[in-house]
Amino acid sequence: MSEKSRVNMRAIGRSIWNFLGSVRVFFWLVVALALLSLSGAFILQDGPPWAYTTLYGEGGAGFIFALGLNDLFHTFSFIALEAWAALALCVCAVNRFRTLGGRRSEDGPGFTAQRTLNLPGEPRQYLPGIGGRLKRARWRVKNFDGGALYADQGRWAWWASPTLHLGLVLFLAAGLVKLVSGQSTYLVLFEGQTQLLPPRFGEPLAAELEVTATGFDTVVDPNSSRVLTYYTELSVDGPGGRETPRIEVNEPYTRVGVTFYQSFVDELEPALLLIGDRGDIASYARSRATYDGARLVIESLELRLTPLEGEEAAQGTGFVTLDLSDEPSPCPGTPWSVAVRGYYPNHLLEPETGADANANPEANPAVRLDVYLGDEPVAEGALVYRLHPEYLDPKLAAAGVRVELGSVRWSHRQEPTLPGGVLALRLFPGEPSEGLEGAWFSLPDGNPALLEVAPPRGLKLTTPEGELILPAPVTADGGNIFDLGVGLAVGYLNADAEPITGLEVKRDPGLFLFWAAAVLVVLGGCLVFAVPWRRLWLRVEDRTLALKTRRLPESDLRKLLNPEGGGPL
């Protein structure tokens, strides 16, 4: 390699080194990391996909998934920024040590001049005047024999670089501590049901916490119907007694080093876990099967019958409440009467509507009824939807009448009572594909247990004695009931969907390091940009004045060397 090539390579290497060691570059790296970390604090991390749609809407969820903000701290961009910041820290540290090692010689008369000035008369006469002006401006001045001067202002800002270095070290240490010993999980709580924190949280006091959601809801703007926030009212039992906090989005609750964040609300189907005597569980399963298979009896409903011709309601055909049975009941003020065949809490749309049955995930109640004109049936088995009043059953169309459904009240057989010796727990066993693990709870003997999905085998119950697979719900003949030990048996039933609240629970032992790092970085950045360390070297050489400056603006230098405001230096 030629000498010119070696010089060029050294110049390129020096440029790269200076770029990596730039305090400004380092500062903006830290700002970028801080902003990304702040985004990760306000955006749900590693949650189930449907939770993002619930929290941020379809457009917001798509944007979050496109940028990887749902798992921000494991994205390539965040890791690359951290690696770049760590490399910049090393380069800055090397530069700082080199600067400290050469400070004594650089502060003396042997500095390398940046430029020289040809001055009329004797140059030495300028040094006392410049020194006096510097002292009056509160500069620290040091004179050397042989006609040299060194002055600086804001020397204590020298601590900016060590402060920034220490801040980043603490920031990286906080990330390392969180990676090694931090814990995070989600609690899916049905109202009134108690759960435990996973034992892997490690802290003995945290493992003793029992968490119950006593109430939760969504706060909606009455004017725009926009979701404002979610909140959960908790009852937390543990060391020191019971606390009843209320948490909202961005208003967490902390206890024994564990922080609870409001994450989402939704509706899920729990598993009704039954623990107790085998005979009592089988008896309850039989009663439940009979109850679920019983026919719903409509007590009353609101409806309005409208003739299709002219689409105008006939006299007296507003919404009326009818007490109904299997026999036709007349609609007051009209020639029609109605008999109800059945009620469906969540019915899919009929194929002839051409609508997507999955487009509306809400419960879609429907009533199937017969319409009579006098004693003659004109529409038998017609289906009417409450959420889709625009749908007109062909039977009703042929009869020339439209039926609109209002509120419905129906009765059922009395729900079976749980036997006194059976413990029933409504638990969501988790769904690995949605990022949710199983539910921890307390057995009757006080030991912790875990219920989780074990596809395709059913549910898996993990107790201190081992693992037990529950392949299917308990049947009416007493099947799928398994011995749990100590005279207890266990089985489960599928329960109807209920509202749930989702809480993100974190234990981050490095959080104090993170906040200390943030304080140091902000303080160091203010020192770097708000209070610069200005330095000036002057040396008399024959009839010239050699000088060197650091962070001293040209206008200030002119005032110091030429207070009369004369021509250029």
Protein backbone atom coordinates (compact mmCIF):
# COMPACT_ATOMS: atom_id res chain seq x y z
CA MET A 1 0.00 0.00 0.00
CA SER A 2 1.34 3.40 -0.94
CA GLU A 3 1.99 6.18 1.54
CA LYS A 4 -0.90 8.20 0.07
CA SER A 5 -3.30 5.28 0.50
CA ARG A 6 -2.19 4.82 4.11
CA VAL A 7 -2.75 8.51 4.77
CA ASN A 8 -6.23 8.31 3.23
CA MET A 9 -7.10 5.24 5.27
CA ARG A 10 -5.91 6.93 8.46
CA ALA A 11 -8.00 10.01 7.59
CA ILE A 12 -11.10 7.86 7.00
CA GLY A 13 -10.52 5.98 10.25
CA ARG A 14 -10.03 9.23 12.15
CA SER A 15 -13.29 10.60 10.70
CA ILE A 16 -15.21 7.49 11.74
CA TRP A 17 -13.63 7.60 15.19
CA ASN A 18 -14.49 11.28 15.63
CA PHE A 19 -18.07 10.64 14.49
CA LEU A 20 -18.50 7.80 16.97
CA GLY A 21 -16.96 9.88 19.75
CA SER A 22 -19.00 13.00 19.03
CA VAL A 23 -20.84 14.23 22.10
CA ARG A 24 -23.64 15.61 19.93
CA VAL A 25 -24.15 12.26 18.18
CA PHE A 26 -24.09 10.53 21.55
CA PHE A 27 -26.66 12.96 22.93
CA TRP A 28 -29.09 12.39 20.05
CA LEU A 29 -28.62 8.63 20.35
CA VAL A 30 -29.67 8.85 23.97
CA VAL A 31 -32.63 11.07 23.04
CA ALA A 32 -33.75 8.51 20.42
CA LEU A 33 -33.44 5.68 22.96
CA ALA A 34 -35.37 7.68 25.54
CA LEU A 35 -38.19 8.44 23.08
CA LEU A 36 -38.43 4.80 22.01
CA SER A 37 -38.44 3.67 25.64
CA LEU A 38 -41.16 6.20 26.40
CA SER A 39 -43.22 4.83 23.50
CA GLY A 40 -42.77 1.35 24.90
CA ALA A 41 -44.03 2.57 28.28
CA PHE A 42 -47.29 3.91 26.79
CA ILE A 43 -47.92 1.19 24.18
CA LEU A 44 -48.92 -2.29 25.28
CA GLN A 45 -45.94 -4.63 24.88
CA ASP A 46 -46.15 -8.26 23.79
CA GLY A 47 -49.90 -8.38 24.32
CA PRO A 48 -52.52 -10.49 22.52
CA PRO A 49 -53.31 -9.21 19.00
CA TRP A 50 -56.97 -8.50 19.74
CA ALA A 51 -56.02 -6.29 22.69
CA TYR A 52 -54.34 -3.80 20.32
CA THR A 53 -57.52 -3.50 18.24
CA THR A 54 -59.51 -2.93 21.42
CA LEU A 55 -57.12 -0.30 22.74
CA TYR A 56 -55.99 1.55 19.62
CA GLY A 57 -58.52 0.68 16.90
CA GLU A 58 -57.84 -1.23 13.69
CA GLY A 59 -55.80 1.58 12.10
CA GLY A 60 -53.68 2.13 15.20
CA ALA A 61 -53.14 -1.60 15.67
CA GLY A 62 -52.00 -1.97 12.04
CA PHE A 63 -49.55 0.92 12.47
CA ILE A 64 -48.17 -0.58 15.71
CA PHE A 65 -47.67 -4.03 14.16
CA ALA A 66 -46.11 -2.56 11.00
CA LEU A 67 -43.43 -0.75 13.03
CA GLY A 68 -42.98 -3.54 15.55
CA LEU A 69 -44.03 -1.28 18.42
CA ASN A 70 -45.92 -4.16 20.04
CA ASP A 71 -42.55 -5.69 21.00
CA LEU A 72 -40.39 -2.59 20.80
CA PHE A 73 -37.53 -3.66 23.05
CA HIS A 74 -36.77 -6.71 20.91
CA THR A 75 -36.81 -4.95 17.52
CA PHE A 76 -33.66 -4.69 15.43
CA SER A 77 -33.78 -0.88 15.47
CA PHE A 78 -33.86 -0.64 19.28
CA ILE A 79 -31.09 -3.21 19.73
CA ALA A 80 -29.00 -1.49 17.02
CA LEU A 81 -29.42 1.88 18.74
CA GLU A 82 -28.37 0.37 22.05
CA ALA A 83 -25.30 -1.22 20.43
CA TRP A 84 -24.41 2.06 18.71
CA ALA A 85 -24.80 3.95 21.99
CA ALA A 86 -22.59 1.41 23.78
CA LEU A 87 -19.90 1.75 21.08
CA ALA A 88 -20.13 5.55 21.25
CA LEU A 89 -19.77 5.33 25.01
CA CYS A 90 -16.55 3.34 24.66
CA VAL A 91 -15.12 5.79 22.12
CA CYS A 92 -16.10 8.80 24.24
CA ALA A 93 -14.50 7.19 27.28
CA VAL A 94 -11.24 6.57 25.40
CA ASN A 95 -11.21 10.15 24.15
CA ARG A 96 -11.91 11.43 27.65
CA PHE A 97 -9.04 9.43 29.16
CA ARG A 98 -6.71 10.67 26.42
CA THR A 99 -7.82 14.23 27.11
CA LEU A 100 -7.28 13.84 30.83
CA GLY A 101 -3.83 12.38 30.24
CA GLY A 102 -2.75 15.32 28.09
CA ARG A 103 -4.49 18.10 30.03
CA ARG A 104 -1.38 19.34 31.86
CA SER A 105 0.62 19.97 28.71
CA GLU A 106 -2.39 21.35 26.79
CA ASP A 107 -3.22 23.87 29.50
CA GLY A 108 0.34 25.25 29.40
CA PRO A 109 2.24 27.32 26.84
CA GLY A 110 3.09 24.35 24.68
CA PHE A 111 -0.26 24.13 22.91
CA THR A 112 -0.68 23.65 19.17
CA ALA A 113 -1.86 26.94 17.70
CA GLN A 114 -4.93 27.09 15.50
CA ARG A 115 -3.90 30.42 13.95
CA THR A 116 -1.62 33.43 14.52
CA LEU A 117 -2.27 37.16 14.44
CA ASN A 118 0.11 39.87 13.29
CA LEU A 119 -0.29 42.76 15.70
CA PRO A 120 1.24 46.24 15.48
CA GLY A 121 3.61 47.23 18.24
CA GLU A 122 4.65 44.89 21.00
CA PRO A 123 2.27 41.86 21.29
CA ARG A 124 3.10 41.37 24.95
CA GLN A 125 1.16 44.50 25.81
CA TYR A 126 -2.03 42.78 24.79
CA LEU A 127 -1.78 39.92 27.30
CA PRO A 128 -2.31 41.98 30.51
CA GLY A 129 -5.28 43.78 28.96
CA ILE A 130 -6.83 40.55 27.71
CA GLY A 131 -6.24 38.90 31.08
CA GLY A 132 -7.96 41.77 32.87
CA ARG A 133 -10.97 41.66 30.58
CA LEU A 134 -11.23 37.88 31.04
CA LYS A 135 -11.14 38.20 34.83
CA ARG A 136 -13.81 40.89 34.77
CA ALA A 137 -15.95 38.52 32.68
CA ARG A 138 -15.43 35.86 35.38
CA TRP A 139 -13.00 33.76 33.45
CA ARG A 140 -10.34 31.79 35.30
CA VAL A 141 -6.96 33.07 34.04
CA LYS A 142 -3.53 31.47 34.35
CA ASN A 143 -0.40 33.29 33.18
CA PHE A 144 2.85 31.52 32.24
CA ASP A 145 6.39 32.75 32.02
CA GLY A 146 7.55 33.57 28.52
CA GLY A 147 4.40 35.41 27.42
CA ALA A 148 1.61 32.77 27.50
CA LEU A 149 -1.88 32.77 28.92
CA TYR A 150 -4.58 30.16 29.47
CA ALA A 151 -8.17 31.02 30.48
CA ASP A 152 -11.41 29.08 30.77
CA GLN A 153 -15.02 29.72 31.74
CA GLY A 154 -17.60 27.17 32.94
CA ARG A 155 -14.93 24.66 33.91
CA TRP A 156 -17.37 22.76 36.07
CA ALA A 157 -19.18 21.85 32.82
CA TRP A 158 -16.27 19.43 32.33
CA TRP A 159 -18.44 17.05 34.36
CA ALA A 160 -20.92 16.89 31.46
CA SER A 161 -19.02 14.15 29.71
CA PRO A 162 -18.57 11.91 32.78
CA THR A 163 -22.22 12.52 33.67
CA LEU A 164 -23.39 11.45 30.21
CA HIS A 165 -21.09 8.44 30.30
CA LEU A 166 -22.34 7.37 33.71
CA GLY A 167 -25.95 7.93 32.63
CA LEU A 168 -25.58 5.63 29.65
CA VAL A 169 -23.77 3.04 31.72
CA LEU A 170 -26.67 3.03 34.17
CA PHE A 171 -29.15 2.93 31.28
CA LEU A 172 -27.48 -0.14 29.80
CA ALA A 173 -27.17 -1.68 33.26
CA ALA A 174 -30.91 -1.16 33.82
CA GLY A 175 -31.65 -2.94 30.55
CA LEU A 176 -29.35 -5.81 31.52
CA VAL A 177 -30.93 -6.15 34.97
CA LYS A 178 -34.39 -6.15 33.42
CA LEU A 179 -33.34 -8.76 30.86
CA VAL A 180 -31.82 -11.04 33.50
CA SER A 181 -34.16 -10.70 36.48
CA GLY A 182 -37.19 -8.71 35.29
CA GLN A 183 -40.56 -10.43 35.05
CA SER A 184 -43.74 -9.66 33.15
CA THR A 185 -47.09 -11.39 32.78
CA TYR A 186 -50.78 -10.73 32.12
CA LEU A 187 -53.62 -11.38 34.52
CA VAL A 188 -57.00 -12.04 32.91
CA LEU A 189 -59.51 -11.39 35.68
CA PHE A 190 -63.21 -12.14 35.70
CA GLU A 191 -65.18 -10.09 38.20
CA GLY A 192 -64.97 -11.47 41.73
CA GLN A 193 -62.47 -14.22 40.89
CA THR A 194 -59.12 -14.35 42.75
CA GLN A 195 -55.80 -15.16 41.08
CA LEU A 196 -52.18 -15.43 42.21
CA LEU A 197 -49.03 -14.06 40.64
CA PRO A 198 -46.79 -16.65 38.96
CA PRO A 199 -44.18 -18.00 41.42
CA ARG A 200 -41.44 -17.16 38.88
CA PHE A 201 -41.70 -13.54 40.02
CA GLY A 202 -39.26 -14.71 42.63
CA GLU A 203 -39.88 -12.13 45.35
CA PRO A 204 -41.39 -14.10 48.28
CA LEU A 205 -43.68 -11.24 49.22
CA ALA A 206 -44.94 -10.86 45.65
CA ALA A 207 -45.75 -14.57 45.46
CA GLU A 208 -48.15 -14.12 48.38
CA LEU A 209 -50.32 -11.52 46.61
CA GLU A 210 -53.92 -12.52 45.87
CA VAL A 211 -55.56 -10.27 43.28
CA THR A 212 -59.32 -9.89 42.78
CA ALA A 213 -61.10 -7.58 40.34
CA THR A 214 -64.06 -6.21 42.27
CA GLY A 215 -65.18 -4.07 39.33
CA PHE A 216 -64.03 -2.72 35.97
CA ASP A 217 -65.45 -0.73 33.11
CA THR A 218 -64.74 1.44 30.09
CA VAL A 219 -65.16 5.22 30.29
CA VAL A 220 -66.70 6.56 27.06
CA ASP A 221 -67.17 10.16 25.94
CA PRO A 222 -70.98 10.60 25.79
CA ASN A 223 -70.69 13.09 22.92
CA SER A 224 -68.29 11.33 20.55
CA SER A 225 -68.60 7.73 21.87
CA ARG A 226 -64.79 7.69 21.98
CA VAL A 227 -63.16 5.45 24.56
CA LEU A 228 -61.45 7.70 27.11
CA THR A 229 -59.90 5.16 29.45
CA TYR A 230 -60.23 1.77 31.13
CA TYR A 231 -60.23 1.27 34.87
CA THR A 232 -60.20 -1.64 37.30
CA GLU A 233 -61.02 -1.67 41.00
CA LEU A 234 -58.84 -4.26 42.72
CA SER A 235 -58.72 -6.00 46.05
CA VAL A 236 -55.13 -7.06 46.73
CA ASP A 237 -54.42 -9.25 49.76
CA GLY A 238 -50.87 -9.81 50.88
CA PRO A 239 -48.22 -8.81 53.41
CA GLY A 240 -49.51 -5.84 55.36
CA GLY A 241 -53.20 -6.59 54.82
CA ARG A 242 -55.68 -5.71 52.09
CA GLU A 243 -55.53 -2.73 49.74
CA THR A 244 -58.26 -1.62 47.33
CA PRO A 245 -56.62 0.46 44.58
CA ARG A 246 -58.22 1.73 41.40
CA ILE A 247 -55.94 1.64 38.38
CA GLU A 248 -56.39 3.21 34.96
CA VAL A 249 -54.37 3.47 31.77
CA ASN A 250 -51.12 5.26 32.70
CA GLU A 251 -52.11 5.21 36.39
CA PRO A 252 -50.52 2.00 37.72
CA TYR A 253 -50.45 0.52 41.20
CA THR A 254 -47.30 -0.79 42.90
CA ARG A 255 -46.99 -3.19 45.79
CA VAL A 256 -43.92 -5.06 47.15
CA GLY A 257 -41.93 -4.23 44.02
CA VAL A 258 -44.64 -5.38 41.59
CA THR A 259 -46.46 -2.87 39.38
CA PHE A 260 -49.93 -3.44 37.91
CA TYR A 261 -50.85 -1.64 34.68
CA GLN A 262 -54.32 -1.44 33.14
CA SER A 263 -53.94 -3.09 29.76
CA PHE A 264 -57.28 -3.96 28.13
CA VAL A 265 -60.88 -5.01 28.68
CA ASP A 266 -62.70 -7.55 26.59
CA GLU A 267 -65.00 -10.56 26.78
CA LEU A 268 -63.75 -14.15 27.00
CA GLU A 269 -65.11 -17.59 27.84
CA PRO A 270 -63.78 -18.91 31.16
CA ALA A 271 -63.25 -22.49 32.18
CA LEU A 272 -65.36 -23.28 35.25
CA LEU A 273 -62.93 -25.39 37.27
CA LEU A 274 -64.70 -27.60 39.84
CA ILE A 275 -62.74 -28.99 42.80
CA GLY A 276 -64.44 -31.12 45.46
CA ASP A 277 -66.18 -34.44 45.99
CA ARG A 278 -66.51 -36.56 42.84
CA GLY A 279 -70.21 -37.25 43.43
CA ASP A 280 -71.02 -33.58 44.02
CA ILE A 281 -69.20 -32.57 40.81
CA ALA A 282 -71.08 -35.22 38.80
CA SER A 283 -74.41 -34.14 40.29
CA TYR A 284 -73.76 -30.50 39.44
CA ALA A 285 -72.71 -31.44 35.87
CA ARG A 286 -76.01 -33.29 35.38
CA SER A 287 -78.04 -30.39 36.72
CA ARG A 288 -76.10 -27.99 34.55
CA ALA A 289 -76.65 -30.08 31.42
CA THR A 290 -80.40 -30.12 32.09
CA TYR A 291 -80.39 -26.39 32.70
CA ASP A 292 -78.45 -25.61 29.51
CA GLY A 293 -80.77 -27.78 27.45
CA ALA A 294 -83.96 -26.25 28.81
CA ARG A 295 -86.05 -24.14 26.49
CA LEU A 296 -86.11 -20.39 26.96
CA VAL A 297 -89.56 -19.02 27.73
CA ILE A 298 -90.32 -15.55 26.42
CA GLU A 299 -92.14 -13.47 29.01
CA SER A 300 -92.51 -10.25 27.03
CA LEU A 301 -91.03 -8.30 24.17
CA GLU A 302 -91.32 -4.96 22.45
CA LEU A 303 -92.14 -4.96 18.76
CA ARG A 304 -93.69 -2.82 16.09
CA LEU A 305 -95.54 -4.10 13.05
CA THR A 306 -95.51 -1.88 9.98
CA PRO A 307 -97.28 -2.50 6.64
CA LEU A 308 -94.83 -2.46 3.74
CA GLU A 309 -97.12 -0.42 1.53
CA GLY A 310 -96.15 3.21 2.00
CA GLU A 311 -93.73 2.25 4.80
CA GLU A 312 -95.89 4.17 7.24
CA ALA A 313 -96.89 2.83 10.62
CA ALA A 314 -100.59 2.09 10.81
CA GLN A 315 -102.74 3.63 13.50
CA GLY A 316 -101.66 2.35 16.90
CA THR A 317 -98.69 0.34 15.64
CA GLY A 318 -95.88 1.97 17.60
CA PHE A 319 -93.68 -0.15 19.85
CA VAL A 320 -95.88 -2.18 22.18
CA THR A 321 -94.97 -4.59 24.95
CA LEU A 322 -96.71 -7.96 24.70
CA ASP A 323 -96.90 -10.76 27.24
CA LEU A 324 -96.36 -13.75 25.02
CA SER A 325 -96.65 -17.49 25.15
CA ASP A 326 -96.95 -20.23 22.54
CA GLU A 327 -100.47 -19.01 21.77
CA PRO A 328 -100.92 -15.98 19.46
CA SER A 329 -101.16 -12.67 21.30
CA PRO A 330 -102.94 -9.76 19.63
CA CYS A 331 -101.13 -6.50 18.94
CA PRO A 332 -103.40 -3.72 20.24
CA GLY A 333 -104.76 -1.40 17.58
CA THR A 334 -103.83 -3.74 14.69
CA PRO A 335 -105.46 -6.71 12.97
CA TRP A 336 -102.33 -8.78 13.62
CA SER A 337 -101.34 -11.17 16.37
CA VAL A 338 -97.98 -12.81 17.09
CA ALA A 339 -96.81 -16.13 18.52
CA VAL A 340 -93.15 -16.59 19.49
CA ARG A 341 -91.39 -19.82 18.62
CA GLY A 342 -87.97 -19.15 20.15
CA TYR A 343 -85.33 -16.65 21.19
CA TYR A 344 -81.66 -16.80 20.14
CA PRO A 345 -79.13 -14.82 22.24
CA ASN A 346 -76.52 -14.77 19.43
CA HIS A 347 -77.83 -15.79 16.02
CA LEU A 348 -75.87 -15.62 12.77
CA LEU A 349 -77.39 -13.80 9.83
CA GLU A 350 -79.42 -15.78 7.40
CA PRO A 351 -77.47 -16.71 4.20
CA GLU A 352 -79.91 -14.78 2.01
CA THR A 353 -78.92 -11.49 3.62
CA GLY A 354 -75.56 -11.61 1.85
CA ALA A 355 -73.87 -10.13 4.94
CA ASP A 356 -70.68 -11.37 6.57
CA ALA A 357 -71.70 -13.24 9.72
CA ASN A 358 -68.33 -12.40 11.31
CA ALA A 359 -68.53 -8.69 10.60
CA ASN A 360 -70.31 -7.97 13.86
CA PRO A 361 -68.77 -9.76 16.86
CA GLU A 362 -71.42 -8.43 19.26
CA ALA A 363 -74.23 -10.56 20.55
CA ASN A 364 -76.93 -10.54 17.87
CA PRO A 365 -80.24 -11.50 19.54
CA ALA A 366 -83.05 -12.72 17.31
CA VAL A 367 -86.64 -13.93 17.72
CA ARG A 368 -88.44 -16.46 15.51
CA LEU A 369 -92.18 -15.82 15.39
CA ASP A 370 -95.46 -16.47 13.58
CA VAL A 371 -97.63 -13.57 12.40
CA TYR A 372 -101.40 -13.98 12.10
CA LEU A 373 -103.93 -11.79 10.32
CA GLY A 374 -107.07 -12.53 12.25
CA ASP A 375 -107.00 -16.31 12.68
CA GLU A 376 -105.02 -16.96 9.48
CA PRO A 377 -101.21 -17.38 9.71
CA VAL A 378 -99.53 -15.12 7.13
CA ALA A 379 -95.86 -15.59 8.12
CA GLU A 380 -94.72 -18.72 9.95
CA GLY A 381 -91.22 -19.08 11.42
CA ALA A 382 -90.08 -15.57 10.40
CA LEU A 383 -86.74 -14.43 11.88
CA VAL A 384 -86.30 -10.89 13.22
CA TYR A 385 -82.91 -9.46 14.30
CA ARG A 386 -82.49 -6.68 16.81
CA LEU A 387 -79.08 -5.52 15.49
CA HIS A 388 -80.10 -5.80 11.82
CA PRO A 389 -83.54 -4.20 11.49
CA GLU A 390 -82.91 -3.66 7.78
CA TYR A 391 -83.08 -7.40 7.19
CA LEU A 392 -86.58 -8.46 6.10
CA ASP A 393 -87.40 -12.12 6.29
CA PRO A 394 -88.92 -13.34 2.94
CA LYS A 395 -91.96 -14.69 4.83
CA LEU A 396 -92.67 -11.24 6.23
CA ALA A 397 -92.11 -9.66 2.82
CA ALA A 398 -94.66 -12.03 1.29
CA ALA A 399 -97.13 -11.08 4.01
CA GLY A 400 -96.55 -7.36 3.38
CA VAL A 401 -95.48 -6.58 6.92
CA ARG A 402 -92.27 -5.53 8.68
CA VAL A 403 -91.58 -6.43 12.32
CA GLU A 404 -89.06 -4.40 14.35
CA LEU A 405 -87.79 -5.91 17.57
CA GLY A 406 -87.17 -3.94 20.75
CA SER A 407 -86.18 -5.27 24.17
CA VAL A 408 -86.88 -8.90 25.09
CA ARG A 409 -87.40 -10.43 28.50
CA TRP A 410 -87.35 -14.17 28.87
CA SER A 411 -87.20 -16.65 31.71
CA HIS A 412 -85.28 -19.84 32.26
CA ARG A 413 -85.41 -22.64 34.72
CA GLN A 414 -83.73 -21.69 37.96
CA GLU A 415 -79.96 -22.05 37.61
CA PRO A 416 -78.64 -25.06 39.55
CA THR A 417 -77.02 -24.32 42.89
CA LEU A 418 -73.40 -25.29 43.41
CA PRO A 419 -73.01 -27.98 46.10
CA GLY A 420 -71.48 -26.65 49.30
CA GLY A 421 -68.43 -28.94 49.10
CA VAL A 422 -67.42 -27.88 45.57
CA LEU A 423 -65.08 -24.97 44.87
CA ALA A 424 -65.87 -23.32 41.51
CA LEU A 425 -63.21 -21.08 39.91
CA ARG A 426 -63.84 -19.05 36.76
CA LEU A 427 -60.41 -18.98 35.10
CA PHE A 428 -59.11 -18.16 31.63
CA PRO A 429 -56.57 -20.91 30.87
CA GLY A 430 -54.66 -18.73 28.42
CA GLU A 431 -54.03 -19.01 24.72
CA PRO A 432 -50.37 -19.33 23.64
CA SER A 433 -51.13 -17.99 20.16
CA GLU A 434 -52.42 -14.77 21.77
CA GLY A 435 -49.48 -14.29 24.11
CA LEU A 436 -51.45 -15.18 27.27
CA GLU A 437 -50.27 -17.80 29.73
CA GLY A 438 -52.46 -19.75 32.09
CA ALA A 439 -54.05 -18.66 35.37
CA TRP A 440 -52.49 -19.24 38.79
CA PHE A 441 -54.87 -19.84 41.70
CA SER A 442 -54.90 -21.27 45.21
CA LEU A 443 -55.99 -24.85 45.90
CA PRO A 444 -58.20 -25.64 48.93
CA ASP A 445 -55.06 -26.59 50.88
CA GLY A 446 -53.44 -23.21 50.08
CA ASN A 447 -50.88 -24.49 47.56
CA PRO A 448 -50.57 -22.65 44.21
CA ALA A 449 -51.75 -24.35 41.01
CA LEU A 450 -51.73 -23.44 37.33
CA LEU A 451 -54.48 -24.02 34.77
CA GLU A 452 -53.44 -23.63 31.14
CA VAL A 453 -54.35 -24.73 27.63
CA ALA A 454 -52.56 -27.86 26.45
CA PRO A 455 -53.62 -28.28 22.76
CA PRO A 456 -54.81 -30.61 21.46
CA ARG A 457 -55.24 -32.51 24.70
CA GLY A 458 -57.53 -30.08 26.54
CA LEU A 459 -56.48 -28.30 29.73
CA LYS A 460 -53.44 -28.97 31.90
CA LEU A 461 -53.57 -28.56 35.66
CA THR A 462 -50.19 -28.23 37.36
CA THR A 463 -50.08 -28.78 41.14
CA PRO A 464 -47.23 -29.41 43.59
CA GLU A 465 -47.87 -33.14 43.11
CA GLY A 466 -47.49 -33.03 39.31
CA GLU A 467 -49.40 -32.44 36.09
CA LEU A 468 -52.93 -33.58 35.28
CA ILE A 469 -54.52 -33.42 31.81
CA LEU A 470 -58.25 -32.63 31.69
CA PRO A 471 -59.13 -33.73 28.13
CA ALA A 472 -62.71 -32.43 27.95
CA PRO A 473 -65.50 -30.91 30.05
CA VAL A 474 -67.30 -33.01 32.63
CA THR A 475 -70.16 -34.97 31.05
CA ALA A 476 -73.65 -35.53 32.44
CA ASP A 477 -72.79 -39.16 33.25
CA GLY A 478 -69.85 -38.10 35.44
CA GLY A 479 -67.10 -38.60 32.88
CA ASN A 480 -63.85 -36.60 32.74
CA ILE A 481 -63.61 -36.23 36.53
CA PHE A 482 -60.11 -36.98 37.86
CA ASP A 483 -58.68 -37.54 41.33
CA LEU A 484 -56.70 -34.61 42.66
CA GLY A 485 -55.54 -36.25 45.86
CA VAL A 486 -56.41 -35.78 49.56
CA GLY A 487 -59.98 -36.89 48.87
CA LEU A 488 -60.64 -34.28 46.17
CA ALA A 489 -61.55 -34.61 42.51
CA VAL A 490 -61.37 -32.08 39.69
CA GLY A 491 -63.10 -31.37 36.39
CA TYR A 492 -64.19 -28.38 34.36
CA LEU A 493 -67.12 -27.03 32.38
CA ASN A 494 -67.21 -24.46 29.59
CA ALA A 495 -68.89 -21.28 30.81
CA ASP A 496 -70.56 -18.50 28.86
CA ALA A 497 -68.50 -15.51 27.79
CA GLU A 498 -68.05 -12.80 30.43
CA PRO A 499 -66.39 -9.38 30.51
CA ILE A 500 -62.76 -9.49 31.64
CA THR A 501 -60.09 -7.00 32.57
CA GLY A 502 -56.51 -7.54 31.44
CA LEU A 503 -53.71 -6.34 33.71
CA GLU A 504 -50.05 -6.27 32.78
CA VAL A 505 -47.94 -7.10 35.82
CA LYS A 506 -44.24 -6.23 35.89
CA ARG A 507 -41.40 -6.66 38.30
CA ASP A 508 -38.47 -4.54 37.15
CA PRO A 509 -35.65 -4.41 39.72
CA GLY A 510 -33.62 -2.14 37.42
CA LEU A 511 -36.22 0.62 37.27
CA PHE A 512 -34.37 2.85 39.76
CA LEU A 513 -31.27 2.53 37.56
CA PHE A 514 -33.29 3.65 34.55
CA TRP A 515 -34.59 6.80 36.28
CA ALA A 516 -31.15 7.60 37.68
CA ALA A 517 -29.74 7.26 34.16
CA ALA A 518 -32.47 9.53 32.75
CA VAL A 519 -31.65 12.22 35.34
CA LEU A 520 -27.92 12.02 34.59
CA VAL A 521 -28.43 12.13 30.83
CA VAL A 522 -30.71 15.18 31.06
CA LEU A 523 -28.27 16.91 33.43
CA GLY A 524 -25.29 16.09 31.22
CA GLY A 525 -27.11 17.28 28.11
CA CYS A 526 -27.97 20.58 29.78
CA LEU A 527 -24.34 21.03 30.79
CA VAL A 528 -23.11 20.32 27.27
CA PHE A 529 -25.46 22.67 25.44
CA ALA A 530 -26.57 25.25 28.02
CA VAL A 531 -23.31 25.83 29.92
CA PRO A 532 -20.39 25.25 27.52
CA TRP A 533 -16.82 24.98 28.78
CA ARG A 534 -15.03 27.78 26.89
CA ARG A 535 -11.23 27.83 26.72
CA LEU A 536 -8.64 30.18 25.29
CA TRP A 537 -4.87 29.75 24.82
CA LEU A 538 -2.61 32.68 23.89
CA ARG A 539 1.16 32.71 23.30
CA VAL A 540 3.49 35.48 22.11
CA GLU A 541 5.80 34.42 19.25
CA ASP A 542 8.12 37.23 18.11
CA ARG A 543 5.70 39.84 16.77
CA THR A 544 2.71 37.55 16.45
CA LEU A 545 0.11 36.20 18.82
CA ALA A 546 -0.62 32.44 18.55
CA LEU A 547 -4.05 31.40 19.77
CA LYS A 548 -6.32 28.42 20.20
CA THR A 549 -9.96 28.31 21.32
CA ARG A 550 -12.53 25.73 22.36
CA ARG A 551 -16.26 26.54 22.13
CA LEU A 552 -15.57 30.27 22.06
CA PRO A 553 -17.68 32.08 19.42
CA GLU A 554 -15.82 34.34 17.00
CA SER A 555 -17.81 37.40 18.12
CA ASP A 556 -16.79 36.89 21.77
CA LEU A 557 -13.15 36.39 20.73
CA ARG A 558 -13.19 39.69 18.83
CA LYS A 559 -14.47 41.55 21.89
CA LEU A 560 -11.77 40.04 24.08
CA LEU A 561 -8.88 40.79 21.73
CA ASN A 562 -10.18 44.04 20.22
CA PRO A 563 -12.54 45.77 22.64
CA GLU A 564 -12.74 48.84 20.40
CA GLY A 565 -14.67 46.82 17.81
CA GLY A 566 -12.11 47.33 15.11
CA GLY A 567 -11.58 45.40 11.93
CA PRO A 568 -11.22 41.64 11.57
CA LEU A 569 -8.67 39.77 13.59
